[in-house]
Amino acid sequence: MKVYHVHGIRHQAVVFAETPKEAVAQAVVRGLVGDWEHPEAIEVPLPKGYRIIYDPLVASAEQAELPMSVEEPAPEPPHIITRSGIKVYEDWHDNIVVDADSPAVTWKANRDTFGSNTSVPGMSRLASENSEDALSWNLFRTLEKIGKLDAIARSLGLDDDFQVLYWYRPWDVADPLAEIRLALNQVEPWRKIGGRFQTETDVILKGRRYLVMVEGKLGKPGAQIRPWERAGSSSVPASFEAPLRALLADRVDWQKTMHRFYQLLRHLVLANALGRSEVWNLEPHLLAIVNGLNRHARRTHADEFAHFQRCLRLPPERVHLVTWQALLARAKATFDPGVRPLSVHAAQLSHLQPLNLDGPASLRARIPSR
């Protein structure tokens, strides 16, 4: 008998079962999770030396209800609602649930600000409730801090001792690692020319054997998006042709493939450069994170990602696709108290909430704070 955390788009449950398939079936039959939610079961590991024994006498006994305390919700931090209905906190620290004063996240918050053509000019982009950077920091830094990164690594089939790099730097350092800066200048030598920026990987998991580049995309619920394509119609820089020879199965149409999967291939090119024996000597991997509540404009995210895998010379197990919902569920399934701030905050993010088909088109009614 094992413990499984069954999670769907809207509902979650904890079930005792022998296999993940049995756990999902139990949750659906008992009405805890809907079959339409595409539920998944994640095993909750027991502490070493513990096991579960089924006792039918105890199971048939009526269990007394436990008193539940209802806490009054904390007041909402000061914020602004943009013209598109997105909450932006006046203080970006209110959107960060872990180590909000650390050098890495402070650097990111101060560098990336909204432009003058927005309703929140000059405010940090990290203050937006739907900031992918804020969500990435909150999730990975929380798991790193409590020593539970294996909750993600296990799902990728990677057993390693990982250090997390945020925007190319450790959590407590303001400057990027010198090796990354050198490799980036080699594969993308333009730095910033005519508005062109170098690749900035959201999160890197650097282990002793594996190197995992993480690219996270969010997008609105119900939307059809193109998360990995190159924006605009300009041609792909010719400097990518040489490094793509080691990555693409068909190099004849490398520009077309690069345009379609630009956001993913740039990370793999950098991973190959960093994984060389003379640099870090690590096996490169890619983890793409998407919102389970929207889909790719061409088809499903999974179908488009499967096409991406077929374009590569790399084994399919080197590139991984997962949803934010699945990663947050795995974090919650650790049952570590340090995950609670992350779970509470994520439950309030509008882009992670299903559309209310019984109500108005907006995700939820919003009242500006001023």
Protein backbone atom coordinates (compact mmCIF):
# COMPACT_ATOMS: atom_id res chain seq x y z
CA MET A 1 0.00 0.00 0.00
CA LYS A 2 1.34 3.42 -1.01
CA VAL A 3 0.25 7.04 -0.62
CA TYR A 4 -0.55 9.00 -3.78
CA HIS A 5 -1.31 12.65 -4.34
CA VAL A 6 -3.87 12.78 -7.16
CA HIS A 7 -4.19 16.19 -8.77
CA GLY A 8 -6.36 17.48 -11.60
CA ILE A 9 -6.99 20.88 -13.10
CA ARG A 10 -9.35 21.93 -10.29
CA HIS A 11 -9.36 19.27 -7.57
CA GLN A 12 -6.83 17.28 -5.57
CA ALA A 13 -6.95 14.27 -3.29
CA VAL A 14 -4.73 11.95 -1.25
CA VAL A 15 -5.42 8.27 -1.93
CA PHE A 16 -4.03 4.97 -0.63
CA ALA A 17 -3.41 2.51 -3.47
CA GLU A 18 -0.93 0.04 -4.93
CA THR A 19 -0.27 1.80 -8.26
CA PRO A 20 -0.70 5.30 -9.75
CA LYS A 21 -3.40 3.98 -12.11
CA GLU A 22 -5.35 2.52 -9.20
CA ALA A 23 -5.00 5.80 -7.25
CA VAL A 24 -6.45 7.82 -10.14
CA ALA A 25 -9.30 5.32 -10.58
CA GLN A 26 -10.16 5.51 -6.87
CA ALA A 27 -10.16 9.30 -6.87
CA VAL A 28 -12.44 9.43 -9.93
CA VAL A 29 -14.87 6.77 -8.66
CA ARG A 30 -15.15 8.49 -5.27
CA GLY A 31 -15.83 11.82 -6.91
CA LEU A 32 -12.73 13.46 -5.46
CA VAL A 33 -11.30 14.37 -8.87
CA GLY A 34 -13.09 14.56 -12.21
CA ASP A 35 -12.04 12.34 -15.09
CA TRP A 36 -12.23 15.43 -17.35
CA GLU A 37 -9.40 17.00 -15.32
CA HIS A 38 -6.82 14.54 -16.75
CA PRO A 39 -5.72 13.61 -13.21
CA GLU A 40 -2.22 12.38 -12.44
CA ALA A 41 -1.01 10.43 -9.40
CA ILE A 42 2.30 11.21 -7.73
CA GLU A 43 3.63 8.88 -5.05
CA VAL A 44 4.29 10.51 -1.68
CA PRO A 45 7.39 8.75 -0.31
CA LEU A 46 7.23 7.60 3.30
CA PRO A 47 10.05 8.37 5.73
CA LYS A 48 12.73 5.69 5.88
CA GLY A 49 11.66 2.77 8.06
CA TYR A 50 7.91 3.46 7.77
CA ARG A 51 5.31 1.36 5.97
CA ILE A 52 1.52 1.28 5.68
CA ILE A 53 -0.48 -1.74 6.86
CA TYR A 54 -4.17 -2.05 5.94
CA ASP A 55 -6.40 -2.96 8.90
CA PRO A 56 -10.04 -3.63 7.86
CA LEU A 57 -11.32 -3.17 11.42
CA VAL A 58 -9.84 0.30 11.64
CA ALA A 59 -10.93 1.13 8.11
CA SER A 60 -14.56 0.23 8.84
CA ALA A 61 -14.69 2.29 12.04
CA GLU A 62 -16.30 5.71 11.89
CA GLN A 63 -13.69 8.45 12.31
CA ALA A 64 -14.53 11.47 14.36
CA GLU A 65 -14.35 14.82 12.60
CA LEU A 66 -11.49 17.05 13.66
CA PRO A 67 -12.19 20.66 14.59
CA MET A 68 -11.07 23.03 11.85
CA SER A 69 -9.90 26.55 12.63
CA VAL A 70 -10.80 29.21 10.09
CA GLU A 71 -8.15 31.90 9.82
CA GLU A 72 -9.10 35.37 8.69
CA PRO A 73 -7.31 36.06 5.39
CA ALA A 74 -4.49 38.59 5.47
CA PRO A 75 -5.21 41.96 3.85
CA GLU A 76 -4.23 42.26 0.19
CA PRO A 77 -0.89 44.04 -0.34
CA PRO A 78 -1.15 47.34 -2.27
CA HIS A 79 -1.43 46.71 -5.99
CA ILE A 80 -2.64 48.07 -9.30
CA ILE A 81 -4.92 46.34 -11.79
CA THR A 82 -3.68 46.86 -15.33
CA ARG A 83 -5.91 47.60 -18.32
CA SER A 84 -5.80 43.90 -19.18
CA GLY A 85 -6.94 42.93 -15.68
CA ILE A 86 -3.61 41.72 -14.28
CA LYS A 87 -2.57 42.45 -10.72
CA VAL A 88 0.78 44.20 -10.29
CA TYR A 89 2.03 44.72 -6.75
CA GLU A 90 3.32 48.17 -5.85
CA ASP A 91 6.19 46.41 -4.05
CA TRP A 92 7.59 43.50 -6.05
CA HIS A 93 8.65 41.82 -2.81
CA ASP A 94 4.96 40.98 -2.25
CA ASN A 95 5.09 38.65 -5.26
CA ILE A 96 8.10 36.70 -3.94
CA VAL A 97 7.51 34.11 -1.22
CA VAL A 98 11.09 33.05 -0.47
CA ASP A 99 14.36 34.98 0.01
CA ALA A 100 12.91 38.17 -1.45
CA ASP A 101 15.98 40.21 -0.48
CA SER A 102 18.57 37.90 -2.02
CA PRO A 103 21.05 39.40 -4.53
CA ALA A 104 19.92 37.35 -7.55
CA VAL A 105 16.21 38.16 -7.42
CA THR A 106 16.92 41.77 -6.45
CA TRP A 107 19.09 42.15 -9.55
CA LYS A 108 16.30 40.75 -11.73
CA ALA A 109 13.64 42.96 -10.16
CA ASN A 110 15.69 46.14 -10.64
CA ARG A 111 16.70 45.37 -14.23
CA ASP A 112 13.36 44.39 -15.80
CA THR A 113 10.70 47.11 -15.56
CA PHE A 114 7.51 47.91 -17.45
CA GLY A 115 7.76 50.45 -20.27
CA SER A 116 6.12 53.82 -20.62
CA ASN A 117 3.46 52.39 -22.96
CA THR A 118 1.94 50.30 -20.14
CA SER A 119 -0.40 51.25 -17.30
CA VAL A 120 2.35 50.52 -14.75
CA PRO A 121 5.43 52.30 -16.19
CA GLY A 122 8.65 51.90 -14.24
CA MET A 123 7.31 49.14 -12.00
CA SER A 124 9.24 45.89 -11.78
CA ARG A 125 8.02 43.12 -14.09
CA LEU A 126 8.67 40.76 -11.20
CA ALA A 127 5.73 42.44 -9.43
CA SER A 128 3.20 41.06 -11.91
CA GLU A 129 1.15 38.18 -10.54
CA ASN A 130 1.69 36.36 -13.84
CA SER A 131 5.44 36.85 -14.06
CA GLU A 132 7.06 33.63 -15.24
CA ASP A 133 10.31 34.74 -13.60
CA ALA A 134 8.61 35.22 -10.23
CA LEU A 135 6.89 31.83 -10.47
CA SER A 136 10.16 30.13 -11.45
CA TRP A 137 11.99 31.72 -8.53
CA ASN A 138 9.24 30.90 -6.02
CA LEU A 139 9.05 27.25 -7.10
CA PHE A 140 12.70 26.32 -7.59
CA ARG A 141 14.13 28.42 -4.77
CA THR A 142 11.55 27.01 -2.34
CA LEU A 143 12.48 23.43 -3.23
CA GLU A 144 16.18 24.23 -3.22
CA LYS A 145 15.96 25.87 0.20
CA ILE A 146 14.12 22.97 1.86
CA GLY A 147 16.31 20.36 0.15
CA LYS A 148 13.50 18.87 -1.96
CA LEU A 149 14.74 19.42 -5.52
CA ASP A 150 14.49 15.67 -5.99
CA ALA A 151 10.71 16.17 -6.22
CA ILE A 152 11.39 17.54 -9.70
CA ALA A 153 14.52 15.53 -10.54
CA ARG A 154 12.74 12.21 -9.89
CA SER A 155 10.00 13.13 -12.34
CA LEU A 156 12.68 13.65 -15.01
CA GLY A 157 14.43 10.38 -14.21
CA LEU A 158 17.56 12.26 -13.15
CA ASP A 159 19.27 11.27 -9.92
CA ASP A 160 21.81 13.98 -9.13
CA ASP A 161 22.83 16.57 -6.58
CA PHE A 162 21.68 19.78 -8.25
CA GLN A 163 22.58 23.41 -7.66
CA VAL A 164 20.08 25.93 -9.02
CA LEU A 165 21.18 28.92 -11.08
CA TYR A 166 18.70 31.74 -11.58
CA TRP A 167 19.35 33.84 -14.69
CA TYR A 168 22.90 32.35 -14.68
CA ARG A 169 23.69 33.08 -11.01
CA PRO A 170 23.31 31.30 -7.63
CA TRP A 171 20.52 32.61 -5.42
CA ASP A 172 22.89 34.57 -3.17
CA VAL A 173 25.08 36.15 -5.89
CA ALA A 174 24.36 39.21 -8.02
CA ASP A 175 26.72 38.38 -10.91
CA PRO A 176 26.41 35.49 -13.41
CA LEU A 177 28.93 32.67 -13.41
CA ALA A 178 31.98 33.47 -15.52
CA GLU A 179 31.79 30.16 -17.42
CA ILE A 180 28.26 30.93 -18.58
CA ARG A 181 29.12 34.45 -19.66
CA LEU A 182 32.08 33.14 -21.68
CA ALA A 183 30.05 30.36 -23.33
CA LEU A 184 27.18 32.74 -24.10
CA ASN A 185 29.52 35.20 -25.81
CA GLN A 186 30.82 32.35 -27.94
CA VAL A 187 27.45 31.05 -29.17
CA GLU A 188 25.74 34.47 -29.29
CA PRO A 189 28.59 36.94 -29.89
CA TRP A 190 26.39 39.96 -30.54
CA ARG A 191 25.64 40.81 -26.87
CA LYS A 192 23.15 43.59 -27.55
CA ILE A 193 23.11 44.90 -31.12
CA GLY A 194 20.15 46.67 -32.64
CA GLY A 195 17.79 45.53 -29.90
CA ARG A 196 18.98 41.90 -30.03
CA PHE A 197 19.53 40.32 -26.65
CA GLN A 198 21.46 37.23 -25.66
CA THR A 199 19.60 34.20 -24.36
CA GLU A 200 18.67 34.30 -20.68
CA THR A 201 17.78 30.89 -19.29
CA ASP A 202 15.18 31.18 -16.52
CA VAL A 203 16.61 28.39 -14.37
CA ILE A 204 19.53 25.99 -14.74
CA LEU A 205 19.92 22.81 -12.70
CA LYS A 206 23.65 22.09 -12.55
CA GLY A 207 24.47 18.68 -11.17
CA ARG A 208 27.50 16.43 -11.06
CA ARG A 209 26.36 14.49 -14.13
CA TYR A 210 23.47 16.39 -15.69
CA LEU A 211 22.87 19.97 -16.83
CA VAL A 212 19.17 20.91 -17.16
CA MET A 213 18.14 24.13 -18.90
CA VAL A 214 14.64 25.24 -17.85
CA GLU A 215 12.34 27.30 -20.08
CA GLY A 216 9.02 28.25 -18.47
CA LYS A 217 6.01 29.69 -20.27
CA LEU A 218 2.67 30.59 -18.71
CA GLY A 219 -0.01 32.21 -20.89
CA LYS A 220 -3.69 32.76 -20.17
CA PRO A 221 -6.09 29.89 -19.43
CA GLY A 222 -7.98 28.82 -22.53
CA ALA A 223 -5.59 30.67 -24.86
CA GLN A 224 -3.88 29.27 -27.95
CA ILE A 225 -0.25 30.35 -27.79
CA ARG A 226 3.06 29.84 -29.60
CA PRO A 227 5.40 29.65 -26.60
CA TRP A 228 8.60 28.58 -28.37
CA GLU A 229 8.54 30.37 -31.73
CA ARG A 230 10.76 33.27 -32.73
CA ALA A 231 8.83 36.53 -32.67
CA GLY A 232 8.64 38.46 -35.92
CA SER A 233 9.64 37.43 -39.42
CA SER A 234 13.34 38.32 -39.33
CA SER A 235 15.79 35.59 -40.25
CA VAL A 236 17.56 33.48 -37.67
CA PRO A 237 21.18 34.64 -37.02
CA ALA A 238 23.57 32.64 -39.21
CA SER A 239 25.87 32.05 -36.23
CA PHE A 240 23.45 29.36 -35.00
CA GLU A 241 24.03 27.11 -38.02
CA ALA A 242 27.30 25.59 -36.82
CA PRO A 243 26.22 24.67 -33.25
CA LEU A 244 22.88 23.31 -34.53
CA ARG A 245 24.73 20.66 -36.56
CA ALA A 246 25.20 18.68 -33.35
CA LEU A 247 21.52 19.01 -32.40
CA LEU A 248 19.24 18.72 -35.43
CA ALA A 249 18.43 15.48 -37.23
CA ASP A 250 17.71 17.35 -40.48
CA ARG A 251 20.04 20.29 -40.99
CA VAL A 252 18.74 21.26 -44.44
CA ASP A 253 15.84 23.29 -43.06
CA TRP A 254 17.67 24.37 -39.91
CA GLN A 255 16.41 27.97 -40.14
CA LYS A 256 12.77 26.85 -40.36
CA THR A 257 13.21 24.50 -37.40
CA MET A 258 15.07 27.15 -35.43
CA HIS A 259 12.32 29.69 -36.08
CA ARG A 260 9.65 27.27 -34.87
CA PHE A 261 11.51 26.17 -31.73
CA TYR A 262 13.72 29.21 -31.19
CA GLN A 263 13.19 29.51 -27.44
CA LEU A 264 14.06 25.86 -26.85
CA LEU A 265 16.97 25.44 -29.24
CA ARG A 266 18.82 28.51 -27.93
CA HIS A 267 18.95 26.89 -24.51
CA LEU A 268 20.17 23.60 -25.94
CA VAL A 269 22.91 25.34 -27.92
CA LEU A 270 24.13 26.99 -24.72
CA ALA A 271 23.81 23.69 -22.80
CA ASN A 272 26.01 21.95 -25.36
CA ALA A 273 28.64 24.65 -24.99
CA LEU A 274 28.60 24.42 -21.18
CA GLY A 275 28.48 20.61 -21.18
CA ARG A 276 31.75 20.20 -23.05
CA SER A 277 34.52 18.32 -21.28
CA GLU A 278 36.69 21.43 -21.06
CA VAL A 279 33.92 23.40 -19.31
CA TRP A 280 31.58 21.46 -17.00
CA ASN A 281 31.62 18.00 -18.63
CA LEU A 282 27.90 17.44 -18.09
CA GLU A 283 25.12 15.75 -20.08
CA PRO A 284 22.79 18.47 -21.44
CA HIS A 285 19.04 18.28 -20.89
CA LEU A 286 16.09 20.62 -21.48
CA LEU A 287 12.97 21.05 -19.37
CA ALA A 288 10.07 22.98 -20.91
CA ILE A 289 7.28 24.07 -18.56
CA VAL A 290 3.85 25.06 -19.87
CA ASN A 291 0.44 25.94 -18.46
CA GLY A 292 -1.88 22.94 -18.44
CA LEU A 293 -4.84 25.29 -18.87
CA ASN A 294 -3.97 26.48 -22.39
CA ARG A 295 -2.71 24.87 -25.60
CA HIS A 296 -0.38 25.42 -28.49
CA ALA A 297 -1.82 27.32 -31.46
CA ARG A 298 -0.98 24.42 -33.80
CA ARG A 299 -2.21 21.56 -31.57
CA THR A 300 -1.61 20.48 -27.98
CA HIS A 301 1.60 21.40 -26.18
CA ALA A 302 2.45 17.69 -25.93
CA ASP A 303 2.02 17.12 -29.68
CA GLU A 304 4.11 20.15 -30.61
CA PHE A 305 6.82 19.11 -28.15
CA ALA A 306 6.81 15.57 -29.58
CA HIS A 307 7.48 17.11 -33.00
CA PHE A 308 10.36 19.06 -31.45
CA GLN A 309 11.82 15.82 -30.08
CA ARG A 310 11.71 14.25 -33.55
CA CYS A 311 13.67 17.21 -34.95
CA LEU A 312 16.60 16.47 -32.65
CA ARG A 313 19.52 14.09 -32.85
CA LEU A 314 19.41 13.85 -29.07
CA PRO A 315 17.66 10.89 -27.40
CA PRO A 316 14.04 11.84 -26.48
CA GLU A 317 14.76 11.32 -22.79
CA ARG A 318 17.09 14.35 -22.88
CA VAL A 319 14.20 16.79 -23.42
CA HIS A 320 11.29 16.96 -21.01
CA LEU A 321 7.85 18.61 -20.98
CA VAL A 322 5.85 19.23 -17.81
CA THR A 323 3.12 21.60 -16.62
CA TRP A 324 3.34 24.15 -13.84
CA GLN A 325 0.39 22.38 -12.23
CA ALA A 326 2.29 19.08 -12.08
CA LEU A 327 5.42 20.68 -10.61
CA LEU A 328 3.42 22.58 -7.98
CA ALA A 329 1.58 19.37 -7.10
CA ARG A 330 4.89 17.54 -6.67
CA ALA A 331 6.14 20.33 -4.43
CA LYS A 332 2.97 20.10 -2.35
CA ALA A 333 3.29 16.32 -2.16
CA THR A 334 6.51 16.69 -0.18
CA PHE A 335 4.30 17.82 2.74
CA ASP A 336 7.15 20.04 3.87
CA PRO A 337 5.93 23.11 5.82
CA GLY A 338 8.29 25.26 3.75
CA VAL A 339 6.16 24.63 0.66
CA ARG A 340 3.02 26.19 2.15
CA PRO A 341 3.83 29.84 1.21
CA LEU A 342 4.44 28.69 -2.37
CA SER A 343 1.18 26.70 -2.53
CA VAL A 344 -0.91 29.51 -1.04
CA HIS A 345 0.57 32.10 -3.39
CA ALA A 346 0.26 29.90 -6.50
CA ALA A 347 -3.41 29.26 -5.73
CA GLN A 348 -4.03 33.00 -6.15
CA LEU A 349 -2.31 33.47 -9.52
CA SER A 350 -4.95 34.20 -12.14
CA HIS A 351 -3.21 32.40 -15.00
CA LEU A 352 -3.18 29.18 -12.97
CA GLN A 353 -6.93 29.33 -12.28
CA PRO A 354 -9.39 27.61 -14.65
CA LEU A 355 -11.83 29.76 -16.57
CA ASN A 356 -15.20 30.04 -14.87
CA LEU A 357 -17.49 28.83 -17.64
CA ASP A 358 -20.58 29.60 -15.55
CA GLY A 359 -19.63 33.22 -15.01
CA PRO A 360 -18.38 36.17 -17.02
CA ALA A 361 -15.50 35.91 -19.46
CA SER A 362 -13.04 37.39 -16.96
CA LEU A 363 -11.21 34.99 -14.69
CA ARG A 364 -12.60 36.59 -11.57
CA ALA A 365 -13.96 39.91 -10.43
CA ARG A 366 -11.21 42.35 -9.53
CA ILE A 367 -11.42 45.45 -7.38
CA PRO A 368 -8.53 47.89 -7.75
CA SER A 369 -6.78 48.83 -4.52
CA ARG A 370 -6.94 52.48 -5.35
